[in-house]
C-alpha atoms as a PDB file:
ATOM      1  CA  MET A   1     121.304  71.208 113.508  1.00  0.00           C
ATOM      2  CA  GLU A   2     119.437  74.478 113.926  1.00  0.00           C
ATOM      3  CA  GLN A   3     119.878  77.104 111.267  1.00  0.00           C
ATOM      4  CA  LYS A   4     121.093  80.557 112.231  1.00  0.00           C
ATOM      5  CA  ILE A   5     119.140  83.405 110.666  1.00  0.00           C
ATOM      6  CA  TYR A   6     120.436  86.968 110.800  1.00  0.00           C
ATOM      7  CA  TRP A   7     117.940  89.789 110.624  1.00  0.00           C
ATOM      8  CA  ASP A   8     117.518  93.525 110.697  1.00  0.00           C
ATOM      9  CA  ILE A   9     114.958  96.176 109.854  1.00  0.00           C
ATOM     10  CA  LEU A  10     115.093  98.188 106.645  1.00  0.00           C
ATOM     11  CA  ARG A  11     113.667 101.617 107.331  1.00  0.00           C
ATOM     12  CA  PHE A  12     112.512 103.415 104.218  1.00  0.00           C
ATOM     13  CA  ASN A  13     110.033 106.259 103.703  1.00  0.00           C
ATOM     14  CA  GLY A  14     108.581 105.823 107.177  1.00  0.00           C
ATOM     15  CA  ASN A  15     108.128 102.060 106.769  1.00  0.00           C
ATOM     16  CA  GLU A  16     109.838  99.204 108.551  1.00  0.00           C
ATOM     17  CA  ILE A  17     110.560  96.066 106.555  1.00  0.00           C
ATOM     18  CA  TYR A  18     111.969  93.030 108.332  1.00  0.00           C
ATOM     19  CA  ILE A  19     114.596  91.187 106.328  1.00  0.00           C
ATOM     20  CA  SER A  20     116.657  88.130 107.131  1.00  0.00           C
ATOM     21  CA  ALA A  21     119.448  86.054 105.669  1.00  0.00           C
ATOM     22  CA  SER A  22     121.095  82.729 106.282  1.00  0.00           C
ATOM     23  CA  GLU A  23     124.775  82.155 105.686  1.00  0.00           C
ATOM     24  CA  ARG A  24     123.822  81.303 102.064  1.00  0.00           C
ATOM     25  CA  GLY A  25     121.807  84.413 101.253  1.00  0.00           C
ATOM     26  CA  LEU A  26     118.695  86.502 101.697  1.00  0.00           C
ATOM     27  CA  CYS A  27     115.853  84.306 102.881  1.00  0.00           C
ATOM     28  CA  TYR A  28     113.069  86.717 103.819  1.00  0.00           C
ATOM     29  CA  VAL A  29     111.857  90.171 102.834  1.00  0.00           C
ATOM     30  CA  GLY A  30     108.674  91.249 104.521  1.00  0.00           C
ATOM     31  CA  SER A  31     106.253  94.057 103.916  1.00  0.00           C
ATOM     32  CA  PRO A  32     105.511  97.070 106.090  1.00  0.00           C
ATOM     33  CA  GLU A  33     102.551  95.146 107.590  1.00  0.00           C
ATOM     34  CA  GLU A  34     104.680  92.171 108.651  1.00  0.00           C
ATOM     35  CA  ASP A  35     106.560  92.229 111.933  1.00  0.00           C
ATOM     36  CA  TYR A  36     109.192  90.084 113.632  1.00  0.00           C
ATOM     37  CA  GLU A  37     106.616  87.422 114.545  1.00  0.00           C
ATOM     38  CA  VAL A  38     105.613  86.908 110.916  1.00  0.00           C
ATOM     39  CA  MET A  39     109.271  86.597 109.926  1.00  0.00           C
ATOM     40  CA  ALA A  40     110.060  84.164 112.755  1.00  0.00           C
ATOM     41  CA  LYS A  41     107.121  81.892 111.856  1.00  0.00           C
ATOM     42  CA  ARG A  42     108.734  81.222 108.473  1.00  0.00           C
ATOM     43  CA  PHE A  43     111.702  79.585 110.225  1.00  0.00           C
ATOM     44  CA  PRO A  44     110.235  77.883 113.301  1.00  0.00           C
ATOM     45  CA  THR A  45     113.404  75.989 114.260  1.00  0.00           C
ATOM     46  CA  ALA A  46     115.926  78.734 113.480  1.00  0.00           C
ATOM     47  CA  ILE A  47     118.020  80.688 115.916  1.00  0.00           C
ATOM     48  CA  PHE A  48     117.608  84.389 115.185  1.00  0.00           C
ATOM     49  CA  GLU A  49     120.343  86.962 115.675  1.00  0.00           C
ATOM     50  CA  LYS A  50     119.912  90.661 114.960  1.00  0.00           C
ATOM     51  CA  ASN A  51     123.044  91.597 113.037  1.00  0.00           C
ATOM     52  CA  GLU A  52     123.280  94.957 111.303  1.00  0.00           C
ATOM     53  CA  GLU A  53     126.722  94.256 109.816  1.00  0.00           C
ATOM     54  CA  ILE A  54     125.779  91.008 108.055  1.00  0.00           C
ATOM     55  CA  MET A  55     122.501  92.505 106.834  1.00  0.00           C
ATOM     56  CA  LYS A  56     124.081  95.763 105.634  1.00  0.00           C
ATOM     57  CA  PRO A  57     124.676  94.718 101.974  1.00  0.00           C
ATOM     58  CA  TYR A  58     121.118  93.337 101.695  1.00  0.00           C
ATOM     59  CA  LYS A  59     119.666  96.507 103.158  1.00  0.00           C
ATOM     60  CA  GLN A  60     121.775  98.579 100.769  1.00  0.00           C
ATOM     61  CA  GLU A  61     120.638  96.690  97.672  1.00  0.00           C
ATOM     62  CA  LEU A  62     116.998  96.935  98.702  1.00  0.00           C
ATOM     63  CA  THR A  63     117.381 100.644  99.472  1.00  0.00           C
ATOM     64  CA  ASP A  64     119.074 101.242  96.122  1.00  0.00           C
ATOM     65  CA  TYR A  65     116.206  99.445  94.386  1.00  0.00           C
ATOM     66  CA  LEU A  66     113.563 101.426  96.298  1.00  0.00           C
ATOM     67  CA  GLU A  67     115.354 104.653  95.370  1.00  0.00           C
ATOM     68  CA  GLY A  68     115.390 103.665  91.687  1.00  0.00           C
ATOM     69  CA  LYS A  69     119.175 103.223  91.566  1.00  0.00           C
ATOM     70  CA  LEU A  70     119.213  99.424  91.095  1.00  0.00           C
ATOM     71  CA  VAL A  71     117.415  97.310  88.504  1.00  0.00           C
ATOM     72  CA  GLN A  72     118.935  93.890  89.206  1.00  0.00           C
ATOM     73  CA  PHE A  73     119.859  92.331  92.535  1.00  0.00           C
ATOM     74  CA  SER A  74     123.285  90.718  92.768  1.00  0.00           C
ATOM     75  CA  LEU A  75     123.364  89.248  96.270  1.00  0.00           C
ATOM     76  CA  PRO A  76     122.436  85.584  96.719  1.00  0.00           C
ATOM     77  CA  VAL A  77     119.051  84.385  97.902  1.00  0.00           C
ATOM     78  CA  ASP A  78     118.441  81.282  99.974  1.00  0.00           C
ATOM     79  CA  VAL A  79     114.867  80.231  99.343  1.00  0.00           C
ATOM     80  CA  LYS A  80     113.539  76.733  99.822  1.00  0.00           C
ATOM     81  CA  GLY A  81     110.270  75.348  98.570  1.00  0.00           C
ATOM     82  CA  THR A  82     108.879  72.482  96.606  1.00  0.00           C
ATOM     83  CA  PRO A  83     110.397  71.871  93.168  1.00  0.00           C
ATOM     84  CA  PHE A  84     107.246  73.475  91.693  1.00  0.00           C
ATOM     85  CA  GLN A  85     107.616  76.603  93.872  1.00  0.00           C
ATOM     86  CA  GLU A  86     111.304  76.886  93.074  1.00  0.00           C
ATOM     87  CA  ALA A  87     110.538  76.664  89.333  1.00  0.00           C
ATOM     88  CA  ILE A  88     108.002  79.471  89.718  1.00  0.00           C
ATOM     89  CA  TRP A  89     110.387  81.635  91.740  1.00  0.00           C
ATOM     90  CA  GLY A  90     113.089  81.064  89.116  1.00  0.00           C
ATOM     91  CA  ALA A  91     110.682  82.184  86.383  1.00  0.00           C
ATOM     92  CA  LEU A  92     109.848  85.314  88.394  1.00  0.00           C
ATOM     93  CA  ARG A  93     113.515  86.275  88.478  1.00  0.00           C
ATOM     94  CA  GLU A  94     113.534  86.256  84.667  1.00  0.00           C
ATOM     95  CA  ILE A  95     110.848  88.960  84.347  1.00  0.00           C
ATOM     96  CA  PRO A  96     112.731  92.088  83.278  1.00  0.00           C
ATOM     97  CA  TYR A  97     112.707  95.214  85.430  1.00  0.00           C
ATOM     98  CA  GLY A  98     109.818  97.480  84.504  1.00  0.00           C
ATOM     99  CA  GLU A  99     107.876  94.747  82.711  1.00  0.00           C
ATOM    100  CA  THR A 100     104.973  92.563  83.768  1.00  0.00           C
ATOM    101  CA  CYS A 101     103.601  89.188  82.809  1.00  0.00           C
ATOM    102  CA  THR A 102     100.534  87.178  83.735  1.00  0.00           C
ATOM    103  CA  TYR A 103     100.044  84.119  85.890  1.00  0.00           C
ATOM    104  CA  SER A 104      99.247  82.259  82.655  1.00  0.00           C
ATOM    105  CA  ASN A 105     102.583  83.371  81.174  1.00  0.00           C
ATOM    106  CA  ILE A 106     104.426  81.931  84.184  1.00  0.00           C
ATOM    107  CA  ALA A 107     102.448  78.657  83.984  1.00  0.00           C
ATOM    108  CA  GLU A 108     103.360  78.335  80.299  1.00  0.00           C
ATOM    109  CA  LYS A 109     106.994  79.242  80.956  1.00  0.00           C
ATOM    110  CA  ILE A 110     107.410  76.314  83.376  1.00  0.00           C
ATOM    111  CA  GLY A 111     105.559  73.930  81.057  1.00  0.00           C
ATOM    112  CA  LYS A 112     102.368  73.658  83.116  1.00  0.00           C
ATOM    113  CA  PRO A 113      99.833  75.813  81.251  1.00  0.00           C
ATOM    114  CA  ALA A 114      96.843  74.419  83.164  1.00  0.00           C
ATOM    115  CA  ALA A 115      98.373  75.160  86.572  1.00  0.00           C
ATOM    116  CA  VAL A 116      97.491  78.859  86.747  1.00  0.00           C
ATOM    117  CA  ARG A 117      95.927  78.664  90.229  1.00  0.00           C
ATOM    118  CA  ALA A 118      98.848  76.644  91.562  1.00  0.00           C
ATOM    119  CA  VAL A 119     101.189  79.247  90.073  1.00  0.00           C
ATOM    120  CA  GLY A 120      99.309  81.945  91.991  1.00  0.00           C
ATOM    121  CA  THR A 121      99.640  79.966  95.215  1.00  0.00           C
ATOM    122  CA  ALA A 122     103.382  79.444  94.668  1.00  0.00           C
ATOM    123  CA  ILE A 123     103.865  83.134  93.926  1.00  0.00           C
ATOM    124  CA  GLY A 124     102.024  83.982  97.151  1.00  0.00           C
ATOM    125  CA  ALA A 125     104.470  81.777  99.061  1.00  0.00           C
ATOM    126  CA  ASN A 126     107.500  83.716  97.789  1.00  0.00           C
ATOM    127  CA  PRO A 127     109.495  84.531 100.944  1.00  0.00           C
ATOM    128  CA  VAL A 128     111.596  87.332  99.453  1.00  0.00           C
ATOM    129  CA  LEU A 129     109.388  90.131  98.230  1.00  0.00           C
ATOM    130  CA  ILE A 130     110.935  92.587  95.779  1.00  0.00           C
ATOM    131  CA  THR A 131     114.135  90.558  95.282  1.00  0.00           C
ATOM    132  CA  VAL A 132     112.223  87.712  93.644  1.00  0.00           C
ATOM    133  CA  PRO A 133     109.885  90.066  91.796  1.00  0.00           C
ATOM    134  CA  CYS A 134     106.428  88.562  92.268  1.00  0.00           C
ATOM    135  CA  HIS A 135     105.034  92.100  92.080  1.00  0.00           C
ATOM    136  CA  ARG A 136     105.620  91.949  88.297  1.00  0.00           C
ATOM    137  CA  VAL A 137     102.866  89.353  87.842  1.00  0.00           C
ATOM    138  CA  ILE A 138      99.420  90.730  87.025  1.00  0.00           C
ATOM    139  CA  GLY A 139      96.046  89.331  86.041  1.00  0.00           C
ATOM    140  CA  LYS A 140      95.318  88.271  82.467  1.00  0.00           C
ATOM    141  CA  ASN A 141      93.059  91.323  82.074  1.00  0.00           C
ATOM    142  CA  GLY A 142      95.847  93.649  83.272  1.00  0.00           C
ATOM    143  CA  ALA A 143      94.433  93.962  86.800  1.00  0.00           C
ATOM    144  CA  ILE A 144      96.767  94.436  89.741  1.00  0.00           C
ATOM    145  CA  THR A 145      95.989  91.274  91.698  1.00  0.00           C
ATOM    146  CA  GLY A 146      96.948  89.879  95.114  1.00  0.00           C
ATOM    147  CA  TYR A 147     100.299  90.487  96.730  1.00  0.00           C
ATOM    148  CA  ARG A 148     101.602  89.468 100.161  1.00  0.00           C
ATOM    149  CA  GLY A 149     102.777  93.041 100.677  1.00  0.00           C
ATOM    150  CA  GLY A 150      99.352  94.418  99.779  1.00  0.00           C
ATOM    151  CA  ILE A 151      97.962  95.905  96.589  1.00  0.00           C
ATOM    152  CA  GLU A 152      99.228  99.411  97.417  1.00  0.00           C
ATOM    153  CA  MET A 153     102.805  98.153  97.801  1.00  0.00           C
ATOM    154  CA  LYS A 154     102.517  96.226  94.522  1.00  0.00           C
ATOM    155  CA  LYS A 155     101.216  99.307  92.698  1.00  0.00           C
ATOM    156  CA  HIS A 156     104.028 101.400  94.183  1.00  0.00           C
ATOM    157  CA  LEU A 157     106.720  98.939  93.048  1.00  0.00           C
ATOM    158  CA  LEU A 158     105.301  98.727  89.522  1.00  0.00           C
ATOM    159  CA  GLU A 159     105.070 102.530  89.276  1.00  0.00           C
ATOM    160  CA  LEU A 160     108.632 102.883  90.594  1.00  0.00           C
ATOM    161  CA  GLU A 161     109.972 100.540  87.933  1.00  0.00           C
ATOM    162  CA  LYS A 162     107.992 102.120  85.106  1.00  0.00           C
ATOM    163  CA  ALA A 163     109.141 105.604  86.136  1.00  0.00           C
ATOM    164  CA  HIS A 164     112.814 104.568  86.130  1.00  0.00           C
ATOM    165  CA  CYS A 165     112.500 102.715  82.831  1.00  0.00           C
ATOM    166  CA  ARG A 166     111.366 105.955  81.190  1.00  0.00           C
ATOM    167  CA  SER A 167     114.135 108.087  82.658  1.00  0.00           C
END
């Protein structure tokens, strides 16, 4: 049976971010550089339906976050990966708002301290940017490292969180 995926575009500060959800929860948050085609490739057998009403609560939570009004997402996510990826994504959700950790920290947290590169690959496969906060993971030396949404987006998200933690 084909899965139905609802989608819409979050417009914020002149950017367009494609987002989508299944009946179980948010399943994709793109970046300003990713268009409909990138989103659709993640779900090659799905039937897509643009639906502003279904996507409205997801758009609102993301907007509230981007405006600094929300520090923790409450709506469900529907992400599927390998057991290793899902463990990584679960660990990402435990990183507190406004804080960062390293790839090594995540590897240790899931009990695989030697799997730092694999952790990086799993983080890069995170389908729901922002909501599963992979932007909070930095290099061991404190460097802002790779991010599917781009380094500038990652820097912006980290600065946003730090600014609202101080206020």
